[in-house]
PDB file of N, CA and C in Angstrom:
ATOM      1  N   MET A   1       4.240  78.172  22.831  1.00  0.00           N
ATOM      2  CA  MET A   1       3.778  76.987  23.497  1.00  0.00           C
ATOM      3  C   MET A   1       4.046  77.116  24.985  1.00  0.00           C
ATOM      4  N   ILE A   2       3.173  76.503  25.741  1.00  0.00           N
ATOM      5  CA  ILE A   2       3.311  76.482  27.185  1.00  0.00           C
ATOM      6  C   ILE A   2       3.504  75.037  27.618  1.00  0.00           C
ATOM      7  N   PHE A   3       4.542  74.781  28.422  1.00  0.00           N
ATOM      8  CA  PHE A   3       4.837  73.443  28.927  1.00  0.00           C
ATOM      9  C   PHE A   3       4.561  73.415  30.424  1.00  0.00           C
ATOM     10  N   ILE A   4       3.874  72.370  30.883  1.00  0.00           N
ATOM     11  CA  ILE A   4       3.488  72.245  32.284  1.00  0.00           C
ATOM     12  C   ILE A   4       3.704  70.801  32.724  1.00  0.00           C
ATOM     13  N   LEU A   5       4.154  70.627  33.953  1.00  0.00           N
ATOM     14  CA  LEU A   5       4.199  69.306  34.577  1.00  0.00           C
ATOM     15  C   LEU A   5       3.197  69.335  35.712  1.00  0.00           C
ATOM     16  N   ASP A   6       2.164  68.509  35.620  1.00  0.00           N
ATOM     17  CA  ASP A   6       1.099  68.448  36.620  1.00  0.00           C
ATOM     18  C   ASP A   6       1.073  67.039  37.180  1.00  0.00           C
ATOM     19  N   ASN A   7       1.600  66.881  38.409  1.00  0.00           N
ATOM     20  CA  ASN A   7       1.841  65.571  38.999  1.00  0.00           C
ATOM     21  C   ASN A   7       2.774  64.817  38.063  1.00  0.00           C
ATOM     22  N   ASP A   8       2.341  63.747  37.442  1.00  0.00           N
ATOM     23  CA  ASP A   8       3.235  63.026  36.532  1.00  0.00           C
ATOM     24  C   ASP A   8       2.752  63.085  35.082  1.00  0.00           C
ATOM     25  N   VAL A   9       1.946  64.098  34.767  1.00  0.00           N
ATOM     26  CA  VAL A   9       1.467  64.291  33.395  1.00  0.00           C
ATOM     27  C   VAL A   9       2.148  65.527  32.818  1.00  0.00           C
ATOM     28  N   TYR A  10       2.843  65.318  31.698  1.00  0.00           N
ATOM     29  CA  TYR A  10       3.474  66.424  30.983  1.00  0.00           C
ATOM     30  C   TYR A  10       2.446  66.998  30.015  1.00  0.00           C
ATOM     31  N   LYS A  11       2.312  68.322  30.027  1.00  0.00           N
ATOM     32  CA  LYS A  11       1.284  68.974  29.228  1.00  0.00           C
ATOM     33  C   LYS A  11       1.898  70.062  28.363  1.00  0.00           C
ATOM     34  N   VAL A  12       1.297  70.218  27.179  1.00  0.00           N
ATOM     35  CA  VAL A  12       1.688  71.305  26.300  1.00  0.00           C
ATOM     36  C   VAL A  12       0.409  71.910  25.723  1.00  0.00           C
ATOM     37  N   ALA A  13       0.382  73.237  25.671  1.00  0.00           N
ATOM     38  CA  ALA A  13      -0.737  73.960  25.071  1.00  0.00           C
ATOM     39  C   ALA A  13      -0.174  74.863  23.985  1.00  0.00           C
ATOM     40  N   ARG A  14      -0.882  74.902  22.879  1.00  0.00           N
ATOM     41  CA  ARG A  14      -0.452  75.719  21.738  1.00  0.00           C
ATOM     42  C   ARG A  14      -1.646  76.489  21.215  1.00  0.00           C
ATOM     43  N   VAL A  15      -1.493  77.804  21.119  1.00  0.00           N
ATOM     44  CA  VAL A  15      -2.534  78.666  20.563  1.00  0.00           C
ATOM     45  C   VAL A  15      -1.887  79.510  19.482  1.00  0.00           C
ATOM     46  N   THR A  16      -2.414  79.395  18.271  1.00  0.00           N
ATOM     47  CA  THR A  16      -1.918  80.205  17.153  1.00  0.00           C
ATOM     48  C   THR A  16      -3.128  80.802  16.453  1.00  0.00           C
ATOM     49  N   GLY A  17      -3.362  82.060  16.688  1.00  0.00           N
ATOM     50  CA  GLY A  17      -4.540  82.702  16.106  1.00  0.00           C
ATOM     51  C   GLY A  17      -5.794  82.003  16.608  1.00  0.00           C
ATOM     52  N   PRO A  18      -6.669  81.586  15.695  1.00  0.00           N
ATOM     53  CA  PRO A  18      -7.908  80.935  16.119  1.00  0.00           C
ATOM     54  C   PRO A  18      -7.726  79.443  16.465  1.00  0.00           C
ATOM     55  N   ALA A  19      -6.563  78.870  16.175  1.00  0.00           N
ATOM     56  CA  ALA A  19      -6.329  77.447  16.441  1.00  0.00           C
ATOM     57  C   ALA A  19      -5.787  77.250  17.857  1.00  0.00           C
ATOM     58  N   HIS A  20      -6.269  76.215  18.525  1.00  0.00           N
ATOM     59  CA  HIS A  20      -5.809  75.904  19.877  1.00  0.00           C
ATOM     60  C   HIS A  20      -5.813  74.393  20.076  1.00  0.00           C
ATOM     61  N   ASN A  21      -4.736  73.909  20.699  1.00  0.00           N
ATOM     62  CA  ASN A  21      -4.614  72.473  20.957  1.00  0.00           C
ATOM     63  C   ASN A  21      -3.902  72.237  22.275  1.00  0.00           C
ATOM     64  N   PHE A  22      -4.342  71.213  22.966  1.00  0.00           N
ATOM     65  CA  PHE A  22      -3.780  70.784  24.235  1.00  0.00           C
ATOM     66  C   PHE A  22      -3.441  69.304  24.131  1.00  0.00           C
ATOM     67  N   LEU A  23      -2.296  68.937  24.708  1.00  0.00           N
ATOM     68  CA  LEU A  23      -1.904  67.531  24.742  1.00  0.00           C
ATOM     69  C   LEU A  23      -1.259  67.248  26.084  1.00  0.00           C
ATOM     70  N   GLY A  24      -1.673  66.172  26.711  1.00  0.00           N
ATOM     71  CA  GLY A  24      -1.038  65.708  27.941  1.00  0.00           C
ATOM     72  C   GLY A  24      -0.520  64.294  27.727  1.00  0.00           C
ATOM     73  N   LEU A  25       0.676  64.015  28.234  1.00  0.00           N
ATOM     74  CA  LEU A  25       1.276  62.694  28.109  1.00  0.00           C
ATOM     75  C   LEU A  25       1.777  62.226  29.464  1.00  0.00           C
ATOM     76  N   ARG A  26       1.465  60.981  29.799  1.00  0.00           N
ATOM     77  CA  ARG A  26       2.048  60.334  30.976  1.00  0.00           C
ATOM     78  C   ARG A  26       3.066  59.332  30.433  1.00  0.00           C
ATOM     79  N   LEU A  27       4.313  59.497  30.839  1.00  0.00           N
ATOM     80  CA  LEU A  27       5.373  58.628  30.340  1.00  0.00           C
ATOM     81  C   LEU A  27       5.267  57.235  30.942  1.00  0.00           C
ATOM     82  N   ALA A  28       5.813  56.255  30.215  1.00  0.00           N
ATOM     83  CA  ALA A  28       5.835  54.860  30.652  1.00  0.00           C
ATOM     84  C   ALA A  28       7.252  54.324  30.520  1.00  0.00           C
ATOM     85  N   ASP A  29       7.514  53.230  31.210  1.00  0.00           N
ATOM     86  CA  ASP A  29       8.825  52.585  31.133  1.00  0.00           C
ATOM     87  C   ASP A  29       8.941  51.642  29.942  1.00  0.00           C
ATOM     88  N   ASP A  30       7.811  51.312  29.336  1.00  0.00           N
ATOM     89  CA  ASP A  30       7.820  50.347  28.243  1.00  0.00           C
ATOM     90  C   ASP A  30       6.768  50.735  27.213  1.00  0.00           C
ATOM     91  N   GLY A  31       6.657  49.932  26.180  1.00  0.00           N
ATOM     92  CA  GLY A  31       5.727  50.221  25.093  1.00  0.00           C
ATOM     93  C   GLY A  31       4.355  49.605  25.297  1.00  0.00           C
ATOM     94  N   ARG A  32       3.822  49.693  26.504  1.00  0.00           N
ATOM     95  CA  ARG A  32       2.507  49.123  26.805  1.00  0.00           C
ATOM     96  C   ARG A  32       1.411  49.791  25.990  1.00  0.00           C
ATOM     97  N   GLU A  33       0.208  49.243  26.093  1.00  0.00           N
ATOM     98  CA  GLU A  33      -0.938  49.834  25.418  1.00  0.00           C
ATOM     99  C   GLU A  33      -1.182  51.235  25.972  1.00  0.00           C
ATOM    100  N   ILE A  34      -1.562  52.142  25.103  1.00  0.00           N
ATOM    101  CA  ILE A  34      -1.751  53.537  25.495  1.00  0.00           C
ATOM    102  C   ILE A  34      -3.235  53.808  25.720  1.00  0.00           C
ATOM    103  N   ASP A  35      -3.544  54.377  26.877  1.00  0.00           N
ATOM    104  CA  ASP A  35      -4.901  54.782  27.221  1.00  0.00           C
ATOM    105  C   ASP A  35      -5.109  56.214  26.734  1.00  0.00           C
ATOM    106  N   VAL A  36      -6.163  56.436  25.962  1.00  0.00           N
ATOM    107  CA  VAL A  36      -6.455  57.774  25.448  1.00  0.00           C
ATOM    108  C   VAL A  36      -7.640  58.346  26.218  1.00  0.00           C
ATOM    109  N   VAL A  37      -7.425  59.503  26.849  1.00  0.00           N
ATOM    110  CA  VAL A  37      -8.438  60.132  27.701  1.00  0.00           C
ATOM    111  C   VAL A  37      -8.928  61.416  27.033  1.00  0.00           C
ATOM    112  N   GLN A  38     -10.234  61.447  26.761  1.00  0.00           N
ATOM    113  CA  GLN A  38     -10.846  62.664  26.249  1.00  0.00           C
ATOM    114  C   GLN A  38     -11.272  63.507  27.448  1.00  0.00           C
ATOM    115  N   LEU A  39     -10.724  64.697  27.557  1.00  0.00           N
ATOM    116  CA  LEU A  39     -11.069  65.587  28.665  1.00  0.00           C
ATOM    117  C   LEU A  39     -12.441  66.210  28.426  1.00  0.00           C
ATOM    118  N   PRO A  40     -13.102  66.638  29.502  1.00  0.00           N
ATOM    119  CA  PRO A  40     -14.436  67.236  29.346  1.00  0.00           C
ATOM    120  C   PRO A  40     -14.386  68.509  28.502  1.00  0.00           C
ATOM    121  N   ILE A  41     -15.473  68.731  27.793  1.00  0.00           N
ATOM    122  CA  ILE A  41     -15.589  69.945  26.985  1.00  0.00           C
ATOM    123  C   ILE A  41     -16.637  70.864  27.600  1.00  0.00           C
ATOM    124  N   LYS A  42     -16.587  72.127  27.209  1.00  0.00           N
ATOM    125  CA  LYS A  42     -17.517  73.127  27.732  1.00  0.00           C
ATOM    126  C   LYS A  42     -18.910  72.929  27.133  1.00  0.00           C
ATOM    127  N   VAL A  43     -19.903  73.378  27.853  1.00  0.00           N
ATOM    128  CA  VAL A  43     -21.273  73.342  27.368  1.00  0.00           C
ATOM    129  C   VAL A  43     -21.354  74.133  26.060  1.00  0.00           C
ATOM    130  N   GLY A  44     -21.992  73.583  25.076  1.00  0.00           N
ATOM    131  CA  GLY A  44     -22.141  74.244  23.782  1.00  0.00           C
ATOM    132  C   GLY A  44     -21.062  73.882  22.785  1.00  0.00           C
ATOM    133  N   GLU A  45     -19.984  73.267  23.241  1.00  0.00           N
ATOM    134  CA  GLU A  45     -18.936  72.806  22.327  1.00  0.00           C
ATOM    135  C   GLU A  45     -19.259  71.383  21.892  1.00  0.00           C
ATOM    136  N   TYR A  46     -18.588  70.919  20.854  1.00  0.00           N
ATOM    137  CA  TYR A  46     -18.831  69.565  20.372  1.00  0.00           C
ATOM    138  C   TYR A  46     -17.508  68.907  20.013  1.00  0.00           C
ATOM    139  N   ASN A  47     -17.536  67.584  19.941  1.00  0.00           N
ATOM    140  CA  ASN A  47     -16.339  66.825  19.586  1.00  0.00           C
ATOM    141  C   ASN A  47     -15.970  67.079  18.131  1.00  0.00           C
ATOM    142  N   ARG A  48     -14.728  67.498  17.916  1.00  0.00           N
ATOM    143  CA  ARG A  48     -14.237  67.774  16.564  1.00  0.00           C
ATOM    144  C   ARG A  48     -13.043  66.901  16.216  1.00  0.00           C
ATOM    145  N   ILE A  49     -12.519  66.177  17.215  1.00  0.00           N
ATOM    146  CA  ILE A  49     -11.303  65.402  17.019  1.00  0.00           C
ATOM    147  C   ILE A  49     -11.553  63.956  17.407  1.00  0.00           C
ATOM    148  N   ASP A  50     -11.115  63.044  16.562  1.00  0.00           N
ATOM    149  CA  ASP A  50     -11.255  61.613  16.794  1.00  0.00           C
ATOM    150  C   ASP A  50     -10.101  61.098  17.638  1.00  0.00           C
ATOM    151  N   ARG A  51     -10.396  60.337  18.687  1.00  0.00           N
ATOM    152  CA  ARG A  51      -9.370  59.823  19.594  1.00  0.00           C
ATOM    153  C   ARG A  51      -8.353  58.952  18.866  1.00  0.00           C
ATOM    154  N   ASP A  52      -8.793  58.174  17.885  1.00  0.00           N
ATOM    155  CA  ASP A  52      -7.869  57.309  17.151  1.00  0.00           C
ATOM    156  C   ASP A  52      -6.886  58.118  16.310  1.00  0.00           C
ATOM    157  N   ALA A  53      -7.334  59.265  15.807  1.00  0.00           N
ATOM    158  CA  ALA A  53      -6.437  60.138  15.050  1.00  0.00           C
ATOM    159  C   ALA A  53      -5.367  60.728  15.973  1.00  0.00           C
ATOM    160  N   VAL A  54      -5.764  61.120  17.181  1.00  0.00           N
ATOM    161  CA  VAL A  54      -4.796  61.652  18.148  1.00  0.00           C
ATOM    162  C   VAL A  54      -3.798  60.555  18.512  1.00  0.00           C
ATOM    163  N   LEU A  55      -4.286  59.350  18.782  1.00  0.00           N
ATOM    164  CA  LEU A  55      -3.407  58.225  19.124  1.00  0.00           C
ATOM    165  C   LEU A  55      -2.404  57.962  18.009  1.00  0.00           C
ATOM    166  N   ALA A  56      -2.854  57.932  16.771  1.00  0.00           N
ATOM    167  CA  ALA A  56      -1.959  57.678  15.635  1.00  0.00           C
ATOM    168  C   ALA A  56      -0.901  58.774  15.518  1.00  0.00           C
ATOM    169  N   GLN A  57      -1.308  60.036  15.701  1.00  0.00           N
ATOM    170  CA  GLN A  57      -0.354  61.139  15.598  1.00  0.00           C
ATOM    171  C   GLN A  57       0.678  61.093  16.717  1.00  0.00           C
ATOM    172  N   VAL A  58       0.240  60.786  17.937  1.00  0.00           N
ATOM    173  CA  VAL A  58       1.174  60.703  19.065  1.00  0.00           C
ATOM    174  C   VAL A  58       2.159  59.556  18.845  1.00  0.00           C
ATOM    175  N   LYS A  59       1.653  58.420  18.396  1.00  0.00           N
ATOM    176  CA  LYS A  59       2.552  57.281  18.129  1.00  0.00           C
ATOM    177  C   LYS A  59       3.602  57.650  17.079  1.00  0.00           C
ATOM    178  N   GLN A  60       3.187  58.334  16.022  1.00  0.00           N
ATOM    179  CA  GLN A  60       4.141  58.735  14.989  1.00  0.00           C
ATOM    180  C   GLN A  60       5.125  59.759  15.532  1.00  0.00           C
ATOM    181  N   GLY A  61       4.648  60.674  16.366  1.00  0.00           N
ATOM    182  CA  GLY A  61       5.540  61.643  17.001  1.00  0.00           C
ATOM    183  C   GLY A  61       6.580  60.955  17.875  1.00  0.00           C
ATOM    184  N   LEU A  62       6.183  59.912  18.582  1.00  0.00           N
ATOM    185  CA  LEU A  62       7.130  59.144  19.397  1.00  0.00           C
ATOM    186  C   LEU A  62       8.185  58.473  18.527  1.00  0.00           C
ATOM    187  N   VAL A  63       7.765  57.896  17.413  1.00  0.00           N
ATOM    188  CA  VAL A  63       8.721  57.288  16.477  1.00  0.00           C
ATOM    189  C   VAL A  63       9.708  58.341  15.999  1.00  0.00           C
ATOM    190  N   ASP A  64       9.195  59.498  15.604  1.00  0.00           N
ATOM    191  CA  ASP A  64      10.036  60.586  15.094  1.00  0.00           C
ATOM    192  C   ASP A  64      11.066  61.045  16.129  1.00  0.00           C
ATOM    193  N   ILE A  65      10.594  61.361  17.333  1.00  0.00           N
ATOM    194  CA  ILE A  65      11.495  61.937  18.333  1.00  0.00           C
ATOM    195  C   ILE A  65      12.459  60.892  18.884  1.00  0.00           C
ATOM    196  N   ASN A  66      12.022  59.654  19.029  1.00  0.00           N
ATOM    197  CA  ASN A  66      12.930  58.608  19.498  1.00  0.00           C
ATOM    198  C   ASN A  66      14.042  58.366  18.488  1.00  0.00           C
ATOM    199  N   ALA A  67      13.721  58.413  17.209  1.00  0.00           N
ATOM    200  CA  ALA A  67      14.751  58.265  16.166  1.00  0.00           C
ATOM    201  C   ALA A  67      15.705  59.454  16.203  1.00  0.00           C
ATOM    202  N   GLN A  68      15.168  60.645  16.379  1.00  0.00           N
ATOM    203  CA  GLN A  68      15.986  61.859  16.410  1.00  0.00           C
ATOM    204  C   GLN A  68      16.924  61.866  17.610  1.00  0.00           C
ATOM    205  N   LEU A  69      16.417  61.452  18.773  1.00  0.00           N
ATOM    206  CA  LEU A  69      17.203  61.509  20.005  1.00  0.00           C
ATOM    207  C   LEU A  69      17.983  60.223  20.288  1.00  0.00           C
ATOM    208  N   GLY A  70      17.657  59.140  19.584  1.00  0.00           N
ATOM    209  CA  GLY A  70      18.275  57.854  19.880  1.00  0.00           C
ATOM    210  C   GLY A  70      17.832  57.318  21.233  1.00  0.00           C
ATOM    211  N   LYS A  71      16.595  57.579  21.585  1.00  0.00           N
ATOM    212  CA  LYS A  71      16.030  57.179  22.888  1.00  0.00           C
ATOM    213  C   LYS A  71      14.843  56.247  22.666  1.00  0.00           C
ATOM    214  N   ALA A  72      14.194  55.876  23.753  1.00  0.00           N
ATOM    215  CA  ALA A  72      13.026  54.983  23.675  1.00  0.00           C
ATOM    216  C   ALA A  72      11.915  55.498  24.586  1.00  0.00           C
ATOM    217  N   TYR A  73      11.518  56.743  24.400  1.00  0.00           N
ATOM    218  CA  TYR A  73      10.411  57.279  25.178  1.00  0.00           C
ATOM    219  C   TYR A  73       9.131  56.528  24.824  1.00  0.00           C
ATOM    220  N   ALA A  74       8.304  56.288  25.835  1.00  0.00           N
ATOM    221  CA  ALA A  74       7.009  55.640  25.653  1.00  0.00           C
ATOM    222  C   ALA A  74       6.001  56.348  26.537  1.00  0.00           C
ATOM    223  N   VAL A  75       4.725  56.235  26.199  1.00  0.00           N
ATOM    224  CA  VAL A  75       3.680  56.838  27.006  1.00  0.00           C
ATOM    225  C   VAL A  75       2.643  55.795  27.390  1.00  0.00           C
ATOM    226  N   SER A  76       2.012  56.019  28.540  1.00  0.00           N
ATOM    227  CA  SER A  76       0.942  55.128  28.978  1.00  0.00           C
ATOM    228  C   SER A  76      -0.426  55.783  28.828  1.00  0.00           C
ATOM    229  N   GLN A  77      -0.463  57.128  28.844  1.00  0.00           N
ATOM    230  CA  GLN A  77      -1.726  57.842  28.693  1.00  0.00           C
ATOM    231  C   GLN A  77      -1.549  59.098  27.856  1.00  0.00           C
ATOM    232  N   ILE A  78      -2.591  59.366  27.079  1.00  0.00           N
ATOM    233  CA  ILE A  78      -2.691  60.590  26.279  1.00  0.00           C
ATOM    234  C   ILE A  78      -3.950  61.316  26.742  1.00  0.00           C
ATOM    235  N   PHE A  79      -3.833  62.614  26.963  1.00  0.00           N
ATOM    236  CA  PHE A  79      -4.972  63.445  27.322  1.00  0.00           C
ATOM    237  C   PHE A  79      -5.142  64.510  26.243  1.00  0.00           C
ATOM    238  N   PHE A  80      -6.382  64.694  25.776  1.00  0.00           N
ATOM    239  CA  PHE A  80      -6.644  65.738  24.788  1.00  0.00           C
ATOM    240  C   PHE A  80      -8.060  66.265  24.968  1.00  0.00           C
ATOM    241  N   VAL A  81      -8.310  67.430  24.392  1.00  0.00           N
ATOM    242  CA  VAL A  81      -9.627  68.062  24.451  1.00  0.00           C
ATOM    243  C   VAL A  81     -10.282  67.853  23.082  1.00  0.00           C
ATOM    244  N   PRO A  82     -11.358  67.067  23.016  1.00  0.00           N
ATOM    245  CA  PRO A  82     -11.956  66.736  21.724  1.00  0.00           C
ATOM    246  C   PRO A  82     -12.590  67.910  20.973  1.00  0.00           C
ATOM    247  N   SER A  83     -12.762  69.052  21.634  1.00  0.00           N
ATOM    248  CA  SER A  83     -13.322  70.227  20.957  1.00  0.00           C
ATOM    249  C   SER A  83     -12.240  71.175  20.438  1.00  0.00           C
ATOM    250  N   ASP A  84     -10.972  70.785  20.597  1.00  0.00           N
ATOM    251  CA  ASP A  84      -9.881  71.616  20.081  1.00  0.00           C
ATOM    252  C   ASP A  84      -9.909  71.656  18.552  1.00  0.00           C
ATOM    253  N   THR A  85      -8.997  72.431  17.981  1.00  0.00           N
ATOM    254  CA  THR A  85      -8.925  72.607  16.542  1.00  0.00           C
ATOM    255  C   THR A  85      -8.414  71.330  15.866  1.00  0.00           C
ATOM    256  N   PRO A  86      -9.178  70.768  14.939  1.00  0.00           N
ATOM    257  CA  PRO A  86      -8.733  69.556  14.250  1.00  0.00           C
ATOM    258  C   PRO A  86      -7.500  69.813  13.382  1.00  0.00           C
ATOM    259  N   SER A  87      -6.654  68.796  13.275  1.00  0.00           N
ATOM    260  CA  SER A  87      -5.452  68.890  12.448  1.00  0.00           C
ATOM    261  C   SER A  87      -4.971  67.480  12.144  1.00  0.00           C
ATOM    262  N   THR A  88      -4.362  67.321  10.992  1.00  0.00           N
ATOM    263  CA  THR A  88      -3.820  66.011  10.630  1.00  0.00           C
ATOM    264  C   THR A  88      -2.403  65.801  11.146  1.00  0.00           C
ATOM    265  N   SER A  89      -1.816  66.837  11.787  1.00  0.00           N
ATOM    266  CA  SER A  89      -0.425  66.692  12.219  1.00  0.00           C
ATOM    267  C   SER A  89      -0.067  67.384  13.532  1.00  0.00           C
ATOM    268  N   VAL A  90      -0.948  68.165  14.118  1.00  0.00           N
ATOM    269  CA  VAL A  90      -0.559  68.970  15.274  1.00  0.00           C
ATOM    270  C   VAL A  90      -0.189  68.116  16.490  1.00  0.00           C
ATOM    271  N   TYR A  91      -0.848  66.989  16.712  1.00  0.00           N
ATOM    272  CA  TYR A  91      -0.519  66.170  17.883  1.00  0.00           C
ATOM    273  C   TYR A  91       0.802  65.441  17.695  1.00  0.00           C
ATOM    274  N   ARG A  92       1.147  65.140  16.468  1.00  0.00           N
ATOM    275  CA  ARG A  92       2.480  64.593  16.167  1.00  0.00           C
ATOM    276  C   ARG A  92       3.534  65.651  16.524  1.00  0.00           C
ATOM    277  N   TYR A  93       3.313  66.867  16.061  1.00  0.00           N
ATOM    278  CA  TYR A  93       4.215  67.985  16.336  1.00  0.00           C
ATOM    279  C   TYR A  93       4.330  68.251  17.836  1.00  0.00           C
ATOM    280  N   LEU A  94       3.196  68.300  18.532  1.00  0.00           N
ATOM    281  CA  LEU A  94       3.213  68.568  19.965  1.00  0.00           C
ATOM    282  C   LEU A  94       3.930  67.465  20.739  1.00  0.00           C
ATOM    283  N   THR A  95       3.774  66.233  20.296  1.00  0.00           N
ATOM    284  CA  THR A  95       4.484  65.113  20.933  1.00  0.00           C
ATOM    285  C   THR A  95       5.987  65.301  20.802  1.00  0.00           C
ATOM    286  N   VAL A  96       6.441  65.608  19.606  1.00  0.00           N
ATOM    287  CA  VAL A  96       7.870  65.820  19.370  1.00  0.00           C
ATOM    288  C   VAL A  96       8.385  66.970  20.235  1.00  0.00           C
ATOM    289  N   GLU A  97       7.695  68.086  20.236  1.00  0.00           N
ATOM    290  CA  GLU A  97       8.145  69.254  20.989  1.00  0.00           C
ATOM    291  C   GLU A  97       8.128  68.990  22.503  1.00  0.00           C
ATOM    292  N   LEU A  98       7.113  68.297  22.989  1.00  0.00           N
ATOM    293  CA  LEU A  98       7.029  67.998  24.418  1.00  0.00           C
ATOM    294  C   LEU A  98       8.134  67.045  24.851  1.00  0.00           C
ATOM    295  N   ILE A  99       8.396  66.012  24.075  1.00  0.00           N
ATOM    296  CA  ILE A  99       9.468  65.071  24.428  1.00  0.00           C
ATOM    297  C   ILE A  99      10.830  65.759  24.325  1.00  0.00           C
ATOM    298  N   LYS A 100      11.018  66.617  23.333  1.00  0.00           N
ATOM    299  CA  LYS A 100      12.270  67.389  23.255  1.00  0.00           C
ATOM    300  C   LYS A 100      12.458  68.226  24.516  1.00  0.00           C
ATOM    301  N   TRP A 101      11.377  68.858  24.963  1.00  0.00           N
ATOM    302  CA  TRP A 101      11.430  69.700  26.160  1.00  0.00           C
ATOM    303  C   TRP A 101      11.781  68.856  27.384  1.00  0.00           C
ATOM    304  N   ILE A 102      11.135  67.703  27.515  1.00  0.00           N
ATOM    305  CA  ILE A 102      11.413  66.795  28.638  1.00  0.00           C
ATOM    306  C   ILE A 102      12.868  66.333  28.580  1.00  0.00           C
ATOM    307  N   ASP A 103      13.311  65.921  27.409  1.00  0.00           N
ATOM    308  CA  ASP A 103      14.653  65.375  27.248  1.00  0.00           C
ATOM    309  C   ASP A 103      15.726  66.415  27.545  1.00  0.00           C
ATOM    310  N   SER A 104      15.452  67.668  27.214  1.00  0.00           N
ATOM    311  CA  SER A 104      16.435  68.735  27.465  1.00  0.00           C
ATOM    312  C   SER A 104      16.327  69.274  28.882  1.00  0.00           C
ATOM    313  N   ARG A 105      15.416  68.685  29.649  1.00  0.00           N
ATOM    314  CA  ARG A 105      15.169  69.100  31.026  1.00  0.00           C
ATOM    315  C   ARG A 105      14.751  70.564  31.103  1.00  0.00           C
ATOM    316  N   GLY A 106      13.884  70.932  30.167  1.00  0.00           N
ATOM    317  CA  GLY A 106      13.353  72.285  30.166  1.00  0.00           C
ATOM    318  C   GLY A 106      12.555  72.565  31.427  1.00  0.00           C
ATOM    319  N   ALA A 107      12.440  73.815  31.785  1.00  0.00           N
ATOM    320  CA  ALA A 107      11.708  74.209  33.004  1.00  0.00           C
ATOM    321  C   ALA A 107      10.224  74.024  32.808  1.00  0.00           C
ATOM    322  N   PHE A 108       9.571  73.480  33.810  1.00  0.00           N
ATOM    323  CA  PHE A 108       8.105  73.320  33.797  1.00  0.00           C
ATOM    324  C   PHE A 108       7.515  74.197  34.867  1.00  0.00           C
TER     325      PHE A 108
END
């Protein structure tokens, strides 16, 4: 996995064989409504991932990692590429790993 901090958006990219997924999170101070941003896709690609599924997975990942760390991380924006590899759990996993990285003050 690759972790990046771009301005105030924390990003993680994961490529495993033919599967690839990108997730960007902008942290928030509270549990406000989360804005989900679908990033542009390349010509010839098509949407394979539903924004509501990504939102649900990120929310569950936040519940998981906050319980694990005893913290209250929240996000205001989610960024994803709708042509990435579909999965029922990868965005939950990426959320947990990204927040763990942020919490441990990993290098970006």
